[in-house]
Protein backbone atom coordinates (compact mmCIF):
# COMPACT_ATOMS: atom_id res chain seq x y z
CA MET A 1 85.87 53.66 27.47
CA MET A 2 82.95 51.89 24.47
CA LYS A 3 79.31 53.28 25.12
CA ASN A 4 76.66 50.87 23.47
CA GLY A 5 79.05 48.71 22.57
CA LYS A 6 81.43 51.52 19.90
CA TYR A 7 84.23 53.07 20.89
CA LEU A 8 84.24 56.82 20.72
CA VAL A 9 86.00 59.40 18.92
CA GLY A 10 86.18 63.87 18.20
CA ILE A 11 87.42 65.36 15.65
CA VAL A 12 89.73 68.55 16.27
CA GLY A 13 89.08 70.84 13.19
CA PHE A 14 86.38 70.17 11.18
CA GLY A 15 87.27 71.98 7.75
CA GLY A 16 88.46 70.29 4.11
CA ILE A 17 90.54 67.54 5.62
CA ALA A 18 88.64 65.95 7.95
CA ARG A 19 85.21 66.31 6.39
CA ILE A 20 86.90 64.54 3.15
CA ALA A 21 88.53 62.13 4.48
CA HIS A 22 88.89 61.81 8.48
CA TYR A 23 85.07 61.28 9.11
CA PRO A 24 84.29 59.01 6.08
CA GLY A 25 87.06 57.37 7.10
CA TRP A 26 85.40 56.79 10.72
CA LYS A 27 82.07 56.32 9.50
CA LYS A 28 83.24 53.36 7.60
CA LEU A 29 84.13 51.69 10.79
CA SER A 30 81.25 49.95 12.61
CA ASP A 31 82.52 49.65 16.33
CA VAL A 32 82.96 53.13 16.01
CA GLU A 33 81.26 56.19 16.53
CA VAL A 34 82.05 60.08 15.88
CA ILE A 35 80.04 62.02 18.60
CA ALA A 36 81.82 65.64 18.90
CA ILE A 37 83.71 67.84 17.03
CA ALA A 38 85.29 71.03 18.21
CA ASP A 39 85.95 73.73 15.60
CA PRO A 40 85.94 78.34 15.72
CA SER A 41 84.08 78.18 12.85
CA GLU A 42 80.10 78.55 13.24
CA GLU A 43 79.63 77.78 9.49
CA VAL A 44 81.52 74.67 10.30
CA ARG A 45 79.79 73.82 13.21
CA ASN A 46 76.35 74.51 11.47
CA ILE A 47 77.92 72.14 8.86
CA ALA A 48 79.02 69.40 11.52
CA LYS A 49 75.33 69.72 13.25
CA ASN A 50 73.54 70.00 10.28
CA GLN A 51 74.83 67.79 7.46
CA PHE A 52 76.80 65.10 9.92
CA ASN A 53 74.09 64.68 12.88
CA ILE A 54 76.98 64.75 15.10
CA LYS A 55 76.21 64.37 18.59
CA TYR A 56 78.47 67.88 20.12
CA VAL A 57 79.84 70.68 18.43
CA PHE A 58 81.72 73.03 19.95
CA ASP A 59 83.95 76.45 19.78
CA ASP A 60 86.68 74.83 22.30
CA TYR A 61 88.61 71.77 21.63
CA LYS A 62 88.97 71.81 25.49
CA LYS A 63 84.96 71.06 25.77
CA ILE A 64 85.95 67.42 24.18
CA LEU A 65 88.03 66.73 26.23
CA LYS A 66 85.68 66.76 29.53
CA ILE A 67 83.85 63.49 27.87
CA ASP A 68 85.45 61.32 29.90
CA GLU A 69 83.99 58.30 26.92
CA ILE A 70 85.59 59.44 23.76
CA ASP A 71 88.20 56.95 23.42
CA ILE A 72 90.23 58.55 21.00
CA ILE A 73 90.73 62.03 19.26
CA ASP A 74 91.36 63.23 15.86
CA VAL A 75 93.27 66.73 15.32
CA CYS A 76 92.32 68.44 11.96
CA THR A 77 92.96 71.71 13.07
CA PRO A 78 96.29 74.14 11.37
CA ASN A 79 99.79 72.33 12.02
CA LYS A 80 100.60 75.88 14.10
CA LEU A 81 98.32 74.30 16.85
CA HIS A 82 99.23 70.14 16.32
CA TYR A 83 101.42 70.73 20.28
CA PRO A 84 98.91 72.00 22.24
CA VAL A 85 96.11 69.57 20.91
CA VAL A 86 97.41 66.28 20.58
CA ILE A 87 98.96 67.37 24.39
CA ASP A 88 96.14 67.98 26.20
CA SER A 89 94.18 65.07 24.56
CA LEU A 90 97.29 62.69 25.95
CA LYS A 91 96.72 64.32 29.05
CA SER A 92 92.70 63.72 29.15
CA LYS A 93 93.27 60.05 28.60
CA LYS A 94 92.63 60.26 25.35
CA HIS A 95 95.04 58.02 22.04
CA VAL A 96 95.47 60.57 19.14
CA LEU A 97 95.84 60.50 15.09
CA CYS A 98 97.22 63.61 14.13
CA GLU A 99 97.29 65.18 10.86
CA LYS A 100 100.87 66.00 8.84
CA PRO A 101 103.56 66.95 9.47
CA ILE A 102 102.72 66.02 13.37
CA GLY A 103 104.64 69.29 15.03
CA ILE A 104 106.34 71.98 13.61
CA SER A 105 109.82 71.21 15.33
CA GLY A 106 111.39 68.27 17.48
CA LYS A 107 110.91 69.75 20.64
CA GLU A 108 107.54 70.17 19.49
CA VAL A 109 107.73 65.61 19.10
CA GLU A 110 109.60 65.20 21.28
CA GLU A 111 107.42 66.74 24.10
CA MET A 112 104.41 65.00 22.43
CA ILE A 113 106.13 61.47 22.61
CA LYS A 114 107.34 61.95 26.33
CA THR A 115 103.68 62.82 26.82
CA SER A 116 102.99 59.58 24.53
CA LYS A 117 104.61 57.32 26.76
CA MET A 118 103.56 58.64 30.76
CA GLU A 119 99.78 59.01 29.65
CA LYS A 120 99.88 54.68 28.57
CA ARG A 121 98.39 56.29 25.33
CA LYS A 122 98.82 55.21 21.27
CA LEU A 123 99.95 58.71 19.05
CA MET A 124 100.36 57.97 15.83
CA ALA A 125 101.32 61.02 12.83
CA ALA A 126 98.32 60.37 10.25
CA GLN A 127 100.79 60.14 7.01
CA HIS A 128 99.00 58.76 4.08
CA MET A 129 101.01 58.16 1.93
CA ARG A 130 102.54 54.58 3.55
CA PHE A 131 98.92 53.92 2.87
CA THR A 132 98.63 53.31 -0.23
CA LYS A 133 98.68 50.00 -2.12
CA SER A 134 102.07 51.03 -4.10
CA SER A 135 102.95 52.48 -1.17
CA ILE A 136 102.09 48.68 0.67
CA VAL A 137 103.48 47.16 -2.49
CA LEU A 138 107.06 49.04 -3.05
CA LYS A 139 107.71 48.80 0.69
CA LYS A 140 107.24 45.30 0.59
CA TYR A 141 109.73 44.64 -2.69
CA ILE A 142 112.30 46.73 -0.24
CA ASP A 143 112.08 44.91 2.83
CA ASN A 144 112.14 41.59 0.44
CA GLY A 145 115.77 42.96 -0.37
CA GLU A 146 115.12 43.28 -4.15
CA LEU A 147 116.74 46.57 -3.85
CA GLY A 148 120.08 45.37 -2.31
CA GLN A 149 121.29 48.65 -0.11
CA ILE A 150 119.41 51.84 -0.79
CA TYR A 151 122.19 54.39 -0.88
CA PHE A 152 120.24 56.81 -2.32
CA SER A 153 117.30 58.73 -3.17
CA ILE A 154 115.17 61.63 -4.29
CA ALA A 155 111.90 63.13 -3.67
CA ASN A 156 110.03 65.76 -5.37
CA ALA A 157 106.15 67.13 -4.23
CA LEU A 158 106.61 69.48 -6.95
CA ARG A 159 103.30 71.85 -8.28
CA ARG A 160 103.73 73.92 -11.03
CA ARG A 161 100.16 76.13 -10.30
CA TYR A 162 98.61 74.55 -7.30
CA LEU A 163 99.05 76.97 -4.10
CA PRO A 164 96.32 76.46 -1.54
CA ALA A 165 94.69 79.67 -1.07
CA ARG A 166 93.65 79.95 2.37
CA ASP A 167 95.54 81.28 5.23
CA THR A 168 95.91 78.07 6.38
CA PHE A 169 98.49 77.24 3.65
CA ILE A 170 99.84 80.87 3.33
CA ASP A 171 99.64 82.21 6.72
CA LYS A 172 103.30 80.84 8.94
CA ASN A 173 101.03 81.53 11.94
CA LEU A 174 99.05 78.55 10.94
CA SER A 175 101.00 76.26 9.00
CA GLY A 176 104.73 76.84 10.80
CA GLY A 177 105.89 76.96 6.87
CA GLY A 178 105.13 76.36 3.45
CA PRO A 179 104.88 73.21 0.31
CA LEU A 180 107.62 72.32 2.59
CA PHE A 181 105.53 71.45 6.24
CA ASP A 182 102.10 70.85 3.52
CA ILE A 183 103.85 68.29 1.07
CA GLY A 184 107.17 68.10 1.85
CA VAL A 185 106.43 66.02 5.26
CA HIS A 186 104.41 63.06 2.99
CA ILE A 187 107.16 62.52 0.19
CA LEU A 188 108.82 62.61 3.06
CA ASP A 189 108.85 60.73 5.48
CA LEU A 190 107.42 58.28 2.33
CA THR A 191 110.95 58.29 0.79
CA TYR A 192 112.42 58.16 5.17
CA TRP A 193 109.86 55.19 5.83
CA PHE A 194 111.41 52.96 2.39
CA MET A 195 114.86 53.50 3.11
CA GLY A 196 114.16 51.88 6.59
CA CYS A 197 114.06 55.36 8.61
CA PRO A 198 118.00 55.50 9.33
CA LYS A 199 118.68 58.15 11.96
CA VAL A 200 119.33 61.87 10.53
CA TYR A 201 123.26 62.84 10.50
CA SER A 202 122.93 66.16 8.88
CA VAL A 203 120.25 68.38 7.22
CA THR A 204 121.37 71.20 4.14
CA GLY A 205 119.19 73.20 2.44
CA ILE A 206 117.52 76.29 1.05
CA THR A 207 113.54 77.85 0.92
CA LEU A 208 112.96 80.60 -1.18
CA THR A 209 110.19 82.46 -2.27
CA LYS A 210 110.32 83.89 -5.46
CA LEU A 211 107.13 83.45 -7.06
CA ALA A 212 104.54 83.50 -4.83
CA LYS A 213 104.24 87.26 -4.02
CA ARG A 214 104.17 88.39 -8.12
CA LYS A 215 100.86 89.60 -8.96
CA ASP A 216 101.16 87.62 -12.50
CA ILE A 217 101.27 84.58 -11.62
CA HIS A 218 98.13 82.86 -10.93
CA GLY A 219 97.74 79.72 -9.62
CA LEU A 220 94.72 77.03 -10.81
CA TRP A 221 93.10 76.56 -7.07
CA GLY A 222 92.18 80.81 -6.84
CA GLU A 223 94.20 83.52 -5.57
CA TRP A 224 95.59 83.95 -2.67
CA ASP A 225 96.32 86.76 -0.56
CA ARG A 226 99.99 88.51 -1.81
CA GLU A 227 100.06 91.24 1.50
CA LYS A 228 99.61 87.69 3.79
CA TYR A 229 102.01 85.33 2.23
CA ASN A 230 104.48 84.54 4.68
CA VAL A 231 105.72 81.48 3.83
CA GLU A 232 108.32 79.70 1.61
CA ASP A 233 107.07 78.60 -2.22
CA PHE A 234 110.06 76.27 -2.59
CA ALA A 235 111.98 74.55 -0.38
CA SER A 236 115.09 71.64 -1.57
CA GLY A 237 116.98 70.39 1.29
CA PHE A 238 120.10 68.05 1.41
CA ILE A 239 119.80 65.41 4.09
CA LYS A 240 122.74 62.71 5.43
CA PHE A 241 122.07 59.78 7.63
CA LYS A 242 124.18 58.31 10.08
CA ASP A 243 124.22 54.49 7.80
CA GLY A 244 125.81 56.51 5.57
CA SER A 245 123.09 56.80 2.78
CA ALA A 246 121.39 60.08 1.03
CA LEU A 247 118.13 61.98 -0.07
CA ASN A 248 117.62 64.61 -1.86
CA LEU A 249 114.68 66.89 -1.45
CA THR A 250 112.35 69.08 -3.63
CA CYS A 251 108.90 70.74 -3.15
CA SER A 252 107.23 73.60 -3.68
CA PHE A 253 103.88 74.81 -4.44
CA LEU A 254 104.87 76.86 -7.81
CA ALA A 255 107.71 75.88 -10.11
CA ASN A 256 107.80 75.98 -13.48
CA ILE A 257 107.99 72.47 -14.22
CA GLU A 258 105.92 70.72 -17.34
CA GLN A 259 104.20 68.45 -15.98
CA MET A 260 101.55 70.05 -13.29
CA GLU A 261 102.85 67.75 -10.19
CA ASP A 262 105.56 65.68 -10.16
CA PHE A 263 104.67 63.44 -7.13
CA SER A 264 107.64 60.79 -6.37
CA THR A 265 110.23 59.15 -5.09
CA THR A 266 113.23 57.07 -7.06
CA LEU A 267 114.91 54.64 -4.64
CA PHE A 268 119.12 53.18 -5.73
CA GLY A 269 119.96 50.52 -4.31
CA THR A 270 122.63 48.02 -5.06
CA GLU A 271 120.44 44.92 -6.48
CA GLY A 272 117.95 47.41 -7.98
CA GLY A 273 116.64 50.40 -8.46
CA ILE A 274 112.95 51.82 -8.60
CA LYS A 275 110.57 54.02 -8.58
CA TRP A 276 107.13 55.14 -6.80
CA PRO A 277 104.11 55.77 -7.29
CA SER A 278 104.57 54.02 -10.93
CA GLY A 279 106.37 50.98 -9.52
CA LYS A 280 108.63 50.85 -12.46
CA LEU A 281 111.93 48.58 -11.07
CA ALA A 282 115.48 48.27 -12.71
CA LYS A 283 117.49 45.82 -12.62
CA GLU A 284 120.34 44.17 -13.57
CA LYS A 285 120.54 39.59 -13.21
CA TYR A 286 122.05 37.51 -15.18
CA GLY A 287 124.62 40.04 -17.09
CA VAL A 288 121.07 41.15 -18.56
CA LEU A 289 119.15 44.84 -17.50
CA GLN A 290 115.53 44.39 -16.99
CA ASN A 291 112.98 46.70 -16.57
CA ILE A 292 110.54 45.01 -14.66
CA GLU A 293 106.34 47.10 -14.86
CA LEU A 294 104.37 46.29 -11.88
CA MET A 295 100.86 45.73 -12.40
CA ILE A 296 99.94 48.07 -9.28
CA ASP A 297 96.59 49.48 -10.64
CA LEU A 298 95.20 45.62 -11.21
CA LEU A 299 95.14 45.89 -7.36
CA PRO A 300 91.97 46.45 -5.29
CA ASP A 301 92.06 49.21 -3.37
CA ASN A 302 91.08 51.14 0.08
CA PRO A 303 91.92 55.46 0.16
CA PRO A 304 94.02 56.16 1.77
CA HIS A 305 93.17 58.02 4.55
CA HIS A 306 90.87 55.44 5.33
CA GLU A 307 92.73 52.61 5.47
CA GLU A 308 95.62 54.46 8.21
CA ILE A 309 92.25 55.25 10.59
CA ARG A 310 91.17 51.20 9.96
CA VAL A 311 95.37 50.63 11.00
CA PHE A 312 95.69 53.36 13.89
CA PHE A 313 91.99 52.52 15.79
CA GLU A 314 93.30 48.11 14.82
CA CYS A 315 96.86 49.49 17.21
CA VAL A 316 93.79 51.14 19.55
CA LYS A 317 92.08 48.38 20.07
CA GLU A 318 93.33 45.27 19.75
CA ASP A 319 96.60 47.14 22.22
CA LYS A 320 99.31 47.01 19.48
CA GLU A 321 102.75 49.49 18.24
CA VAL A 322 101.22 51.82 15.91
CA PRO A 323 102.68 51.37 12.52
CA VAL A 324 104.07 54.99 11.79
CA LYS A 325 106.00 55.18 14.89
CA PRO A 326 106.46 58.90 16.76
CA GLU A 327 110.10 58.17 16.99
CA GLU A 328 109.59 57.93 12.97
CA SER A 329 107.91 61.62 12.52
CA LEU A 330 110.45 63.21 15.13
CA GLU A 331 113.68 62.29 12.38
CA VAL A 332 111.01 63.79 9.53
CA ILE A 333 110.22 66.86 11.92
CA LYS A 334 113.87 67.32 12.70
CA MET A 335 114.73 66.79 8.77
CA LEU A 336 112.03 68.89 7.53
CA GLU A 337 113.19 71.94 10.74
CA GLY A 338 117.47 71.81 9.51
CA ILE A 339 115.80 72.60 5.88
CA TYR A 340 114.45 75.96 8.06
CA ILE A 341 117.27 76.27 9.98
CA SER A 342 120.55 76.03 7.16
CA SER A 343 118.79 78.07 5.04
CA GLU A 344 118.27 80.65 7.98
CA THR A 345 121.77 80.50 9.10
CA GLY A 346 123.90 79.28 4.92
CA LYS A 347 125.51 76.59 7.12
CA GLU A 348 124.80 72.90 7.25
CA LEU A 349 123.18 71.69 10.75
CA ILE A 350 124.87 68.70 12.23
CA PHE A 351 122.48 66.33 14.87
CA LYS A 352 124.57 64.59 17.58
């Protein structure tokens, strides 16, 4: 389904991440054209029409799906809307790239996977952290056995005072959750990928709102509506996998920590340990302790959002399996959902 030798793309939700990262990524590809967007905001639609010269601009995403020539739908809506847009897009015979989290429950993602297989269309979560140069390098080291068996990981997505002040982040009716779904999903997916994507066995966790309601706490990204804020501002979970390994996840918008942000993963292996994104490798060889610093900064760089789009498009074009497999995204969402359930019930959640 190409026109003038190009694959055609429609973007649903043309707010911040779509304009800043996704649209420029698609524009880099010579055999792709973004011909349509859908967004409920008149202001955003005017930007798409007047600044980006996009041919078709709609207020309803279902109008995009009626354009048969469109091959790919890029979903950049608030989290709660991912499920209906993804399902409808797949049923309209479109390949789908969806911003994280791909869904807000395991059942949603299971239905997405079932539909993508039934319609024989590609489906991938836009987990762009897998496509940073540091992630790609560390994964090569891990897959080549430099760490041996990874048996434990510590994953942090902590911000000191970086709380997104928009309704799409603070209102559960739009976001589905707080930092757990916004930034926790990033570091969890990345760490899970480093660990080889084992099946989850159990989840224990807490979700708390300790600072976001306080009027004496201020954010560096502007003020938010304290009355409307109804998601957690802190979450932590302990996850056990069926292969015997485990992972500790902690994330927050408003943490009283020394640095402004701690976005990191520490991996513990039988032959070595490593920290992302610094690339500091700890080993012992010939009875000598080694601290090895990988010179990752010297490698050529491509913005990770652009790289994920390039790779996804390559999979569509060449009919290859997507690198962020939907089944892996399902396990990630089950873990995040499990932390919420465990926090609510006060019990460990065990998966069959």
